[in-house]
Amino acid sequence: MTKNRLIASVIGLLVIIAIAGCGHKLVVSGDQQSVPLYPDEATYLRISQLQQQGGVSGMLGDMGKNLAAKQIDNQTPVKVLSSSSNGSMVEITGGPMKGSSGFVAKQNLD
């Protein structure tokens, strides 16, 4: 009986470790203070293209980013829902924005 209990405990511990290791976190890059969470990938791409153009279009891109994207704290835990070459759709699993979902750039996901 003791051997069975030990085996069950070890299996339970391994399952807990595996579940805890599957999480991802948002990370800031460069001079960012927080991570932008866009409603979808199309919005991210549109705003990124405007920002890269510079001039008036670049300023419009910056304004669009401030309006369209929620700013999420660094190290916020997330669950990846889907991924593309540009980034991932995620759901926030902890913190004040828990349950929110959106798109984050590839460089902002750990």
N, C-alpha and C. Protein backbone atom coordinates (compact mmCIF):
# COMPACT_ATOMS: atom_id res chain seq x y z
N MET A 1 0.82 -1.19 0.00
CA MET A 1 0.00 0.00 0.00
C MET A 1 0.87 1.26 0.00
N THR A 2 1.94 1.27 0.74
CA THR A 2 2.82 2.43 0.81
C THR A 2 3.47 2.69 -0.55
N LYS A 3 3.84 1.63 -1.25
CA LYS A 3 4.47 1.79 -2.56
C LYS A 3 3.48 2.43 -3.56
N ASN A 4 2.22 2.02 -3.53
CA ASN A 4 1.21 2.60 -4.41
C ASN A 4 0.99 4.08 -4.11
N ARG A 5 0.98 4.41 -2.85
CA ARG A 5 0.79 5.80 -2.45
C ARG A 5 1.96 6.67 -2.90
N LEU A 6 3.18 6.12 -2.81
CA LEU A 6 4.37 6.84 -3.26
C LEU A 6 4.33 7.06 -4.77
N ILE A 7 3.94 6.06 -5.51
CA ILE A 7 3.85 6.18 -6.97
C ILE A 7 2.80 7.22 -7.35
N ALA A 8 1.65 7.18 -6.69
CA ALA A 8 0.60 8.16 -6.96
C ALA A 8 1.07 9.58 -6.65
N SER A 9 1.80 9.75 -5.58
CA SER A 9 2.32 11.07 -5.21
C SER A 9 3.31 11.58 -6.24
N VAL A 10 4.19 10.71 -6.71
CA VAL A 10 5.19 11.11 -7.71
C VAL A 10 4.49 11.50 -9.02
N ILE A 11 3.51 10.73 -9.44
CA ILE A 11 2.76 11.04 -10.66
C ILE A 11 2.04 12.38 -10.50
N GLY A 12 1.40 12.59 -9.38
CA GLY A 12 0.71 13.85 -9.13
C GLY A 12 1.66 15.04 -9.17
N LEU A 13 2.84 14.89 -8.58
CA LEU A 13 3.84 15.95 -8.58
C LEU A 13 4.31 16.25 -10.01
N LEU A 14 4.53 15.23 -10.81
CA LEU A 14 4.95 15.42 -12.19
C LEU A 14 3.88 16.14 -13.01
N VAL A 15 2.62 15.82 -12.78
CA VAL A 15 1.53 16.48 -13.49
C VAL A 15 1.48 17.96 -13.11
N ILE A 16 1.64 18.28 -11.85
CA ILE A 16 1.63 19.67 -11.40
C ILE A 16 2.79 20.44 -12.02
N ILE A 17 3.96 19.85 -12.06
CA ILE A 17 5.13 20.50 -12.66
C ILE A 17 4.90 20.73 -14.15
N ALA A 18 4.33 19.75 -14.83
CA ALA A 18 4.07 19.87 -16.28
C ALA A 18 3.07 20.99 -16.56
N ILE A 19 2.02 21.08 -15.76
CA ILE A 19 1.01 22.12 -15.96
C ILE A 19 1.61 23.50 -15.69
N ALA A 20 2.40 23.62 -14.65
CA ALA A 20 3.00 24.92 -14.30
C ALA A 20 4.00 25.36 -15.36
N GLY A 21 4.66 24.44 -16.01
CA GLY A 21 5.67 24.77 -17.01
C GLY A 21 5.10 25.16 -18.36
N CYS A 22 3.81 25.03 -18.57
CA CYS A 22 3.20 25.30 -19.88
C CYS A 22 2.80 26.76 -20.07
N GLY A 23 2.94 27.58 -19.07
CA GLY A 23 2.49 28.96 -19.17
C GLY A 23 3.47 29.85 -19.92
N HIS A 24 2.96 30.94 -20.44
CA HIS A 24 3.77 31.95 -21.10
C HIS A 24 3.55 33.28 -20.37
N LYS A 25 4.48 34.21 -20.58
CA LYS A 25 4.36 35.53 -19.99
C LYS A 25 4.62 36.58 -21.05
N LEU A 26 4.01 37.74 -20.86
CA LEU A 26 4.28 38.88 -21.72
C LEU A 26 5.55 39.57 -21.23
N VAL A 27 6.37 40.00 -22.17
CA VAL A 27 7.61 40.70 -21.81
C VAL A 27 7.74 41.97 -22.64
N VAL A 28 8.21 43.03 -22.01
CA VAL A 28 8.44 44.28 -22.72
C VAL A 28 9.72 44.16 -23.54
N SER A 29 9.81 44.90 -24.62
CA SER A 29 11.02 44.91 -25.43
C SER A 29 11.42 46.35 -25.70
N GLY A 30 12.70 46.55 -25.84
CA GLY A 30 13.20 47.90 -26.12
C GLY A 30 12.88 48.87 -25.01
N ASP A 31 12.33 50.02 -25.38
CA ASP A 31 12.03 51.06 -24.40
C ASP A 31 10.58 51.05 -23.94
N GLN A 32 9.88 49.93 -24.16
CA GLN A 32 8.47 49.83 -23.76
C GLN A 32 8.35 49.79 -22.24
N GLN A 33 7.25 50.32 -21.74
CA GLN A 33 6.94 50.24 -20.32
C GLN A 33 5.90 49.16 -20.05
N SER A 34 5.11 48.83 -21.10
CA SER A 34 4.08 47.80 -21.01
C SER A 34 3.95 47.14 -22.39
N VAL A 35 3.16 46.09 -22.45
CA VAL A 35 3.00 45.33 -23.69
C VAL A 35 1.65 45.69 -24.33
N PRO A 36 1.65 46.10 -25.60
CA PRO A 36 0.38 46.40 -26.27
C PRO A 36 -0.37 45.12 -26.64
N LEU A 37 -1.64 45.06 -26.29
CA LEU A 37 -2.51 43.93 -26.61
C LEU A 37 -3.54 44.43 -27.62
N TYR A 38 -3.38 44.03 -28.88
CA TYR A 38 -4.26 44.47 -29.96
C TYR A 38 -5.49 43.58 -30.04
N PRO A 39 -6.59 44.08 -30.56
CA PRO A 39 -7.81 43.26 -30.68
C PRO A 39 -7.62 42.05 -31.60
N ASP A 40 -6.80 42.23 -32.65
CA ASP A 40 -6.56 41.13 -33.60
C ASP A 40 -5.28 41.41 -34.38
N GLU A 41 -4.86 40.42 -35.16
CA GLU A 41 -3.61 40.55 -35.92
C GLU A 41 -3.72 41.60 -37.01
N ALA A 42 -4.87 41.73 -37.63
CA ALA A 42 -5.05 42.72 -38.70
C ALA A 42 -4.83 44.14 -38.17
N THR A 43 -5.33 44.44 -36.99
CA THR A 43 -5.13 45.76 -36.38
C THR A 43 -3.65 45.99 -36.11
N TYR A 44 -2.99 44.97 -35.57
CA TYR A 44 -1.55 45.06 -35.31
C TYR A 44 -0.78 45.38 -36.60
N LEU A 45 -1.08 44.65 -37.67
CA LEU A 45 -0.37 44.85 -38.93
C LEU A 45 -0.63 46.25 -39.50
N ARG A 46 -1.86 46.71 -39.46
CA ARG A 46 -2.22 48.02 -39.98
C ARG A 46 -1.47 49.14 -39.24
N ILE A 47 -1.46 49.06 -37.91
CA ILE A 47 -0.81 50.08 -37.10
C ILE A 47 0.71 50.02 -37.28
N SER A 48 1.27 48.83 -37.36
CA SER A 48 2.71 48.67 -37.55
C SER A 48 3.15 49.28 -38.88
N GLN A 49 2.35 49.07 -39.92
CA GLN A 49 2.70 49.63 -41.23
C GLN A 49 2.66 51.16 -41.20
N LEU A 50 1.67 51.72 -40.53
CA LEU A 50 1.60 53.19 -40.41
C LEU A 50 2.81 53.73 -39.65
N GLN A 51 3.19 53.07 -38.56
CA GLN A 51 4.32 53.53 -37.75
C GLN A 51 5.62 53.50 -38.55
N GLN A 52 5.79 52.53 -39.41
CA GLN A 52 7.02 52.39 -40.19
C GLN A 52 7.13 53.44 -41.29
N GLN A 53 6.03 54.02 -41.70
CA GLN A 53 6.06 55.01 -42.78
C GLN A 53 6.67 56.34 -42.35
N GLY A 54 6.63 56.64 -41.08
CA GLY A 54 7.18 57.90 -40.60
C GLY A 54 6.29 59.09 -40.95
N GLY A 55 6.73 60.26 -40.59
CA GLY A 55 5.99 61.49 -40.88
C GLY A 55 4.61 61.48 -40.24
N VAL A 56 3.64 62.05 -40.97
CA VAL A 56 2.27 62.14 -40.48
C VAL A 56 1.68 60.75 -40.30
N SER A 57 1.96 59.84 -41.24
CA SER A 57 1.43 58.47 -41.13
C SER A 57 1.96 57.78 -39.88
N GLY A 58 3.24 58.02 -39.57
CA GLY A 58 3.82 57.44 -38.37
C GLY A 58 3.16 57.95 -37.11
N MET A 59 2.85 59.25 -37.09
CA MET A 59 2.15 59.81 -35.93
C MET A 59 0.74 59.23 -35.81
N LEU A 60 0.08 59.03 -36.96
CA LEU A 60 -1.24 58.40 -36.93
C LEU A 60 -1.14 56.97 -36.41
N GLY A 61 -0.07 56.27 -36.78
CA GLY A 61 0.14 54.92 -36.28
C GLY A 61 0.31 54.89 -34.78
N ASP A 62 1.09 55.86 -34.24
CA ASP A 62 1.27 55.96 -32.79
C ASP A 62 -0.05 56.24 -32.09
N MET A 63 -0.85 57.14 -32.67
CA MET A 63 -2.16 57.45 -32.08
C MET A 63 -3.08 56.23 -32.14
N GLY A 64 -3.04 55.52 -33.26
CA GLY A 64 -3.86 54.32 -33.41
C GLY A 64 -3.49 53.25 -32.41
N LYS A 65 -2.18 53.12 -32.16
CA LYS A 65 -1.71 52.14 -31.17
C LYS A 65 -2.25 52.49 -29.79
N ASN A 66 -2.20 53.77 -29.45
CA ASN A 66 -2.70 54.20 -28.13
C ASN A 66 -4.20 53.98 -27.99
N LEU A 67 -4.94 54.13 -29.09
CA LEU A 67 -6.39 53.96 -29.03
C LEU A 67 -6.82 52.50 -29.14
N ALA A 68 -6.17 51.73 -30.00
CA ALA A 68 -6.62 50.37 -30.29
C ALA A 68 -6.08 49.32 -29.33
N ALA A 69 -4.88 49.54 -28.81
CA ALA A 69 -4.23 48.51 -27.99
C ALA A 69 -4.37 48.81 -26.50
N LYS A 70 -4.69 47.78 -25.74
CA LYS A 70 -4.67 47.87 -24.28
C LYS A 70 -3.22 47.69 -23.83
N GLN A 71 -2.82 48.42 -22.83
CA GLN A 71 -1.45 48.30 -22.31
C GLN A 71 -1.46 47.33 -21.13
N ILE A 72 -0.69 46.25 -21.26
CA ILE A 72 -0.66 45.19 -20.26
C ILE A 72 0.70 45.19 -19.57
N ASP A 73 0.69 44.95 -18.26
CA ASP A 73 1.92 44.95 -17.47
C ASP A 73 2.89 43.86 -17.92
N ASN A 74 4.18 44.16 -17.74
CA ASN A 74 5.24 43.20 -17.99
C ASN A 74 5.07 41.97 -17.09
N GLN A 75 5.42 40.81 -17.60
CA GLN A 75 5.37 39.53 -16.86
C GLN A 75 3.96 39.05 -16.56
N THR A 76 2.96 39.55 -17.25
CA THR A 76 1.59 39.09 -17.06
C THR A 76 1.46 37.68 -17.66
N PRO A 77 0.94 36.71 -16.91
CA PRO A 77 0.81 35.36 -17.44
C PRO A 77 -0.32 35.27 -18.48
N VAL A 78 -0.05 34.51 -19.55
CA VAL A 78 -1.02 34.35 -20.64
C VAL A 78 -1.05 32.90 -21.11
N LYS A 79 -2.14 32.57 -21.80
CA LYS A 79 -2.27 31.28 -22.47
C LYS A 79 -2.33 31.58 -23.96
N VAL A 80 -1.50 30.88 -24.75
CA VAL A 80 -1.47 31.08 -26.19
C VAL A 80 -2.64 30.33 -26.82
N LEU A 81 -3.46 31.06 -27.57
CA LEU A 81 -4.61 30.46 -28.25
C LEU A 81 -4.25 30.02 -29.67
N SER A 82 -3.46 30.84 -30.37
CA SER A 82 -2.97 30.50 -31.71
C SER A 82 -1.76 31.37 -32.01
N SER A 83 -0.97 30.95 -32.99
CA SER A 83 0.24 31.69 -33.34
C SER A 83 0.36 31.87 -34.84
N SER A 84 1.09 32.91 -35.22
CA SER A 84 1.42 33.15 -36.63
C SER A 84 2.87 33.63 -36.67
N SER A 85 3.34 33.97 -37.85
CA SER A 85 4.72 34.45 -37.97
C SER A 85 4.90 35.82 -37.33
N ASN A 86 3.82 36.56 -37.13
CA ASN A 86 3.89 37.91 -36.55
C ASN A 86 3.74 37.94 -35.04
N GLY A 87 3.09 36.94 -34.46
CA GLY A 87 2.84 36.93 -33.02
C GLY A 87 1.81 35.89 -32.66
N SER A 88 1.09 36.14 -31.57
CA SER A 88 0.14 35.15 -31.06
C SER A 88 -1.13 35.80 -30.52
N MET A 89 -2.23 35.09 -30.68
CA MET A 89 -3.47 35.44 -29.98
C MET A 89 -3.34 34.81 -28.60
N VAL A 90 -3.56 35.60 -27.56
CA VAL A 90 -3.39 35.12 -26.20
C VAL A 90 -4.60 35.47 -25.35
N GLU A 91 -4.75 34.74 -24.26
CA GLU A 91 -5.74 35.06 -23.23
C GLU A 91 -4.99 35.30 -21.94
N ILE A 92 -5.27 36.40 -21.26
CA ILE A 92 -4.60 36.74 -20.02
C ILE A 92 -5.15 35.84 -18.91
N THR A 93 -4.24 35.19 -18.18
CA THR A 93 -4.66 34.23 -17.15
C THR A 93 -4.44 34.74 -15.73
N GLY A 94 -3.89 35.94 -15.57
CA GLY A 94 -3.68 36.48 -14.23
C GLY A 94 -3.64 37.99 -14.25
N GLY A 95 -3.84 38.59 -13.11
CA GLY A 95 -3.79 40.04 -13.00
C GLY A 95 -5.14 40.69 -13.21
N PRO A 96 -5.17 42.02 -13.24
CA PRO A 96 -6.43 42.76 -13.33
C PRO A 96 -7.16 42.58 -14.66
N MET A 97 -6.45 42.20 -15.72
CA MET A 97 -7.07 42.03 -17.04
C MET A 97 -7.37 40.56 -17.34
N LYS A 98 -7.41 39.73 -16.31
CA LYS A 98 -7.64 38.29 -16.48
C LYS A 98 -8.91 38.05 -17.31
N GLY A 99 -8.77 37.15 -18.29
CA GLY A 99 -9.90 36.83 -19.16
C GLY A 99 -9.90 37.60 -20.47
N SER A 100 -9.17 38.72 -20.53
CA SER A 100 -9.07 39.48 -21.78
C SER A 100 -8.24 38.70 -22.79
N SER A 101 -8.55 38.89 -24.05
CA SER A 101 -7.75 38.23 -25.08
C SER A 101 -7.44 39.22 -26.19
N GLY A 102 -6.40 38.92 -26.93
CA GLY A 102 -5.98 39.78 -28.02
C GLY A 102 -4.69 39.29 -28.63
N PHE A 103 -4.13 40.10 -29.52
CA PHE A 103 -2.93 39.74 -30.26
C PHE A 103 -1.73 40.48 -29.70
N VAL A 104 -0.61 39.76 -29.51
CA VAL A 104 0.65 40.37 -29.11
C VAL A 104 1.72 40.02 -30.13
N ALA A 105 2.65 40.94 -30.35
CA ALA A 105 3.76 40.71 -31.27
C ALA A 105 4.66 39.61 -30.74
N LYS A 106 5.34 38.94 -31.67
CA LYS A 106 6.20 37.81 -31.32
C LYS A 106 7.24 38.18 -30.28
N GLN A 107 7.84 39.37 -30.39
CA GLN A 107 8.91 39.75 -29.46
C GLN A 107 8.40 40.02 -28.06
N ASN A 108 7.08 40.11 -27.86
CA ASN A 108 6.52 40.38 -26.53
C ASN A 108 6.00 39.15 -25.82
N LEU A 109 6.35 37.97 -26.33
CA LEU A 109 5.87 36.73 -25.70
C LEU A 109 7.04 35.85 -25.32
N ASP A 110 7.06 35.41 -24.08
CA ASP A 110 8.11 34.52 -23.58
C ASP A 110 7.52 33.16 -23.31
